[in-house]
Protein backbone atom coordinates (compact mmCIF):
# COMPACT_ATOMS: atom_id res chain seq x y z
CA UNK A 1 -64.08 69.05 48.63
CA UNK A 2 -62.09 69.24 45.70
CA UNK A 3 -63.69 70.79 42.44
CA UNK A 4 -61.62 68.74 39.47
CA UNK A 5 -62.95 70.99 36.63
CA UNK A 6 -63.28 69.19 33.52
CA UNK A 7 -62.82 71.13 30.09
CA UNK A 8 -62.66 69.79 26.62
CA UNK A 9 -62.20 72.47 23.71
CA UNK A 10 -61.79 76.12 24.04
CA UNK A 11 -63.75 77.54 21.32
CA UNK A 12 -66.81 79.46 20.47
CA UNK A 13 -68.65 76.85 18.54
CA UNK A 14 -71.23 76.37 21.65
CA UNK A 15 -70.74 72.66 21.44
CA UNK A 16 -71.44 70.72 24.56
CA UNK A 17 -67.44 69.94 24.54
CA UNK A 18 -66.82 73.47 24.21
CA UNK A 19 -66.00 76.60 26.78
CA UNK A 20 -65.37 80.09 25.07
CA UNK A 21 -61.76 80.94 25.37
CA UNK A 22 -62.96 84.60 26.85
CA UNK A 23 -64.76 82.55 29.63
CA UNK A 24 -61.86 80.18 30.35
CA UNK A 25 -59.86 83.18 31.00
CA UNK A 26 -62.37 85.00 33.36
CA UNK A 27 -62.77 81.84 35.26
CA UNK A 28 -58.84 81.63 35.93
CA UNK A 29 -58.90 85.21 36.66
CA UNK A 30 -61.56 84.48 39.34
CA UNK A 31 -59.79 81.54 41.04
CA UNK A 32 -56.51 83.72 41.11
CA UNK A 33 -58.46 86.89 42.62
CA UNK A 34 -60.47 84.65 45.06
CA UNK A 35 -57.05 83.18 46.16
CA UNK A 36 -58.54 79.52 45.45
CA UNK A 37 -55.99 76.93 46.05
CA UNK A 38 -55.01 75.31 42.58
CA UNK A 39 -53.26 71.89 43.10
CA UNK A 40 -52.38 69.30 40.62
CA UNK A 41 -54.26 66.05 39.73
CA UNK A 42 -51.51 64.13 41.06
CA UNK A 43 -51.85 65.45 44.69
CA UNK A 44 -55.52 64.50 44.89
CA UNK A 45 -54.81 60.89 46.38
CA UNK A 46 -52.84 62.46 49.23
CA UNK A 47 -55.20 65.13 49.93
CA UNK A 48 -58.02 62.95 50.08
CA UNK A 49 -56.15 60.34 52.21
CA UNK A 50 -55.16 62.92 54.73
CA UNK A 51 -58.33 65.21 54.49
CA UNK A 52 -55.98 68.17 55.00
CA UNK A 53 -57.22 70.26 52.12
CA UNK A 54 -60.34 72.12 51.90
CA UNK A 55 -61.79 73.67 48.81
CA UNK A 56 -59.15 73.08 46.34
CA UNK A 57 -59.35 73.38 42.58
CA UNK A 58 -57.89 70.98 40.01
CA UNK A 59 -57.72 71.90 36.18
CA UNK A 60 -58.07 69.07 33.50
CA UNK A 61 -58.60 69.05 29.74
CA UNK A 62 -60.04 65.95 27.69
CA UNK A 63 -59.01 64.76 24.40
CA UNK A 64 -55.99 67.18 23.77
CA UNK A 65 -57.39 69.64 21.59
CA UNK A 66 -54.56 72.38 20.11
CA UNK A 67 -56.68 75.18 21.41
CA UNK A 68 -55.58 74.47 24.68
CA UNK A 69 -52.08 75.14 23.64
CA UNK A 70 -53.34 78.29 21.94
CA UNK A 71 -55.66 79.38 24.50
CA UNK A 72 -55.05 77.97 27.94
CA UNK A 73 -51.28 77.74 28.22
CA UNK A 74 -50.63 81.41 28.37
CA UNK A 75 -53.17 81.82 31.07
CA UNK A 76 -51.93 78.79 33.17
CA UNK A 77 -48.30 80.19 32.78
CA UNK A 78 -49.59 83.52 34.11
CA UNK A 79 -51.16 82.32 37.26
CA UNK A 80 -48.75 79.35 37.64
CA UNK A 81 -51.73 76.99 37.57
CA UNK A 82 -50.78 73.34 37.29
CA UNK A 83 -53.20 71.24 34.87
CA UNK A 84 -53.37 67.79 33.21
CA UNK A 85 -54.32 67.22 29.62
CA UNK A 86 -55.48 63.62 28.87
CA UNK A 87 -54.16 62.44 25.25
CA UNK A 88 -56.14 60.19 22.91
CA UNK A 89 -52.38 59.55 21.36
CA UNK A 90 -53.08 57.76 18.21
CA UNK A 91 -54.82 61.10 16.90
CA UNK A 92 -52.23 63.56 18.21
CA UNK A 93 -51.39 65.77 15.27
CA UNK A 94 -54.89 64.65 13.61
CA UNK A 95 -58.47 65.64 14.67
CA UNK A 96 -61.04 64.39 16.94
CA UNK A 97 -62.22 61.90 14.32
CA UNK A 98 -61.97 58.62 16.06
CA UNK A 99 -64.77 56.10 15.73
CA UNK A 100 -67.64 56.63 17.36
CA UNK A 101 -67.49 60.35 17.57
CA UNK A 102 -71.18 61.94 17.33
CA UNK A 103 -71.64 63.72 14.08
CA UNK A 104 -72.52 66.95 15.93
CA UNK A 105 -69.36 67.18 17.53
CA UNK A 106 -67.06 69.33 15.52
CA UNK A 107 -63.71 68.14 14.33
CA UNK A 108 -60.98 70.10 15.46
CA UNK A 109 -57.11 69.69 15.44
CA UNK A 110 -55.43 68.06 18.34
CA UNK A 111 -52.14 68.87 19.92
CA UNK A 112 -48.83 68.12 18.13
CA UNK A 113 -46.31 66.43 19.79
CA UNK A 114 -43.83 69.48 19.53
CA UNK A 115 -46.41 71.44 21.32
CA UNK A 116 -47.07 68.44 24.12
CA UNK A 117 -43.37 68.67 24.72
CA UNK A 118 -43.45 72.50 25.32
CA UNK A 119 -46.25 71.87 27.46
CA UNK A 120 -44.60 69.48 29.43
CA UNK A 121 -41.55 71.63 29.71
CA UNK A 122 -43.81 74.30 31.04
CA UNK A 123 -45.08 72.34 33.73
CA UNK A 124 -48.36 70.69 32.31
CA UNK A 125 -48.96 67.09 33.08
CA UNK A 126 -50.18 64.68 30.33
CA UNK A 127 -52.34 61.72 31.07
CA UNK A 128 -53.86 58.91 29.00
CA UNK A 129 -57.26 59.14 27.48
CA UNK A 130 -56.35 55.77 25.45
CA UNK A 131 -54.95 55.38 22.16
CA UNK A 132 -58.34 55.75 19.97
CA UNK A 133 -61.09 56.90 22.68
CA UNK A 134 -62.86 53.60 22.62
CA UNK A 135 -65.79 52.57 24.95
CA UNK A 136 -63.36 50.08 27.05
CA UNK A 137 -66.16 48.09 28.12
CA UNK A 138 -66.89 46.71 24.42
CA UNK A 139 -63.35 45.70 24.04
CA UNK A 140 -61.42 42.17 24.78
CA UNK A 141 -59.50 42.54 27.74
CA UNK A 142 -56.41 42.42 25.97
CA UNK A 143 -57.12 44.97 23.35
CA UNK A 144 -58.45 47.24 26.26
CA UNK A 145 -55.09 46.65 28.07
CA UNK A 146 -53.21 47.86 24.95
CA UNK A 147 -55.24 50.82 24.66
CA UNK A 148 -54.14 51.70 28.34
CA UNK A 149 -50.57 50.63 28.24
CA UNK A 150 -49.73 51.71 24.87
CA UNK A 151 -50.81 55.50 25.37
CA UNK A 152 -49.16 55.42 28.71
CA UNK A 153 -45.91 54.50 26.88
CA UNK A 154 -46.07 56.94 24.16
CA UNK A 155 -46.69 59.85 26.55
CA UNK A 156 -43.96 58.97 28.92
CA UNK A 157 -41.61 58.56 25.80
CA UNK A 158 -42.51 61.89 24.48
CA UNK A 159 -42.57 64.01 27.75
CA UNK A 160 -39.87 61.96 29.68
CA UNK A 161 -42.45 62.20 32.36
CA UNK A 162 -44.58 59.52 34.20
CA UNK A 163 -48.12 59.29 32.78
CA UNK A 164 -50.02 58.70 36.22
CA UNK A 165 -53.68 59.68 35.61
CA UNK A 166 -56.33 58.22 33.34
CA UNK A 167 -59.73 59.28 32.02
CA UNK A 168 -62.18 56.83 30.73
CA UNK A 169 -63.23 57.79 27.20
CA UNK A 170 -67.14 58.76 27.29
CA UNK A 171 -66.66 58.12 30.89
CA UNK A 172 -67.37 54.47 30.44
CA UNK A 173 -66.02 51.85 32.75
CA UNK A 174 -66.96 48.70 34.46
CA UNK A 175 -65.31 46.60 37.28
CA UNK A 176 -62.78 45.12 34.73
CA UNK A 177 -62.04 48.40 33.07
CA UNK A 178 -61.41 49.94 36.52
CA UNK A 179 -59.09 46.98 37.35
CA UNK A 180 -57.00 47.54 34.32
CA UNK A 181 -56.73 51.30 35.11
CA UNK A 182 -55.35 50.35 38.57
CA UNK A 183 -52.70 48.17 36.90
CA UNK A 184 -51.48 51.02 35.01
CA UNK A 185 -52.27 54.11 36.79
CA UNK A 186 -52.35 56.05 40.00
CA UNK A 187 -55.90 57.52 39.41
CA UNK A 188 -58.42 57.52 37.07
CA UNK A 189 -61.35 60.21 36.26
CA UNK A 190 -64.99 59.71 35.51
CA UNK A 191 -67.33 61.98 34.17
CA UNK A 192 -69.58 61.70 37.35
CA UNK A 193 -70.82 65.36 37.97
CA UNK A 194 -69.61 66.15 41.44
CA UNK A 195 -66.98 67.12 44.01
CA UNK A 196 -63.87 64.87 45.17
CA UNK A 197 -63.99 64.00 48.57
CA UNK A 198 -62.35 61.54 50.99
CA UNK A 199 -64.77 59.12 50.20
CA UNK A 200 -64.17 59.06 46.69
CA UNK A 201 -62.81 56.15 44.59
CA UNK A 202 -59.58 57.30 43.36
CA UNK A 203 -60.35 55.33 40.02
CA UNK A 204 -63.87 56.90 39.69
CA UNK A 205 -62.96 60.47 40.57
CA UNK A 206 -66.08 63.07 40.23
CA UNK A 207 -65.53 66.03 38.16
CA UNK A 208 -67.33 69.13 37.18
CA UNK A 209 -68.01 69.45 33.59
CA UNK A 210 -67.54 72.98 32.68
CA UNK A 211 -70.23 73.20 30.17
CA UNK A 212 -72.66 73.73 33.03
CA UNK A 213 -70.44 76.68 35.00
CA UNK A 214 -69.76 78.98 32.27
CA UNK A 215 -71.53 81.75 34.12
CA UNK A 216 -69.08 83.90 36.08
CA UNK A 217 -71.58 84.35 39.01
CA UNK A 218 -72.14 80.72 39.29
CA UNK A 219 -68.29 79.97 38.90
CA UNK A 220 -67.56 82.34 41.60
CA UNK A 221 -69.85 80.43 43.92
CA UNK A 222 -67.95 77.07 43.13
CA UNK A 223 -67.96 75.71 46.89
CA UNK A 224 -71.30 77.36 47.91
CA UNK A 225 -74.26 75.27 48.96
CA UNK A 226 -76.33 76.88 46.17
CA UNK A 227 -73.91 75.43 43.63
CA UNK A 228 -73.84 71.96 45.28
CA UNK A 229 -77.42 71.92 44.92
CA UNK A 230 -77.18 72.90 41.22
CA UNK A 231 -74.59 70.30 40.46
CA UNK A 232 -76.62 67.62 42.41
CA UNK A 233 -79.76 68.50 40.03
CA UNK A 234 -77.68 68.45 37.12
CA UNK A 235 -76.40 65.10 37.87
CA UNK A 236 -79.86 63.72 38.68
CA UNK A 237 -80.71 64.99 35.13
CA UNK A 238 -77.84 63.09 33.47
CA UNK A 239 -78.67 60.11 35.23
CA UNK A 240 -82.35 60.30 33.89
CA UNK A 241 -81.03 60.80 30.27
CA UNK A 242 -78.77 57.87 30.64
CA UNK A 243 -81.85 55.77 31.49
């Protein structure tokens, strides 16, 4: 199993998108102290295909909040952990104020391009979260394709590195959206709560929403049967709320 950790903002607002910086620091220390293997997101296809890796961890951040530069980068560098940040490229240097953002979500600054370059030079990978964070299912095919291709191109132009990973805004996708993701990227992350396995679709990779795993005691048991049962229960509750 591969635990793809899904963070958003590192702040103390107690939002559903927030992880307190102190909690993040403790979680990274736990991974280090337990000797967990932290791999890059780009390694996931190979590891799943060859079934070689057990109990590996991947670190991801959605939306590209500036506090990831402030709070996560120093910790990632300390432990030499790879990570991927998914950018909403038209909103870099602005705030997370894209259309459709729920009113209860606090507006916060997003990464500056100079910070993206610095993080990229430090080994952080960047993937696409589209240009404007729309529900891609609701767009015309050409417009949706522009959201993917345009964001990918900007990231590659700024960093000089391939942007091969994608994360669906709102976790929303259908067959047509997945087809477009396959045309532009090597993998895509969903918001389906769970672990990635050799049976996972590389264009609908499961992740662990870190809002649910802020307890250090729970986080220490990341690959335990008890944690698996907890994740399954949370996934079922999510499904019920969705219906």
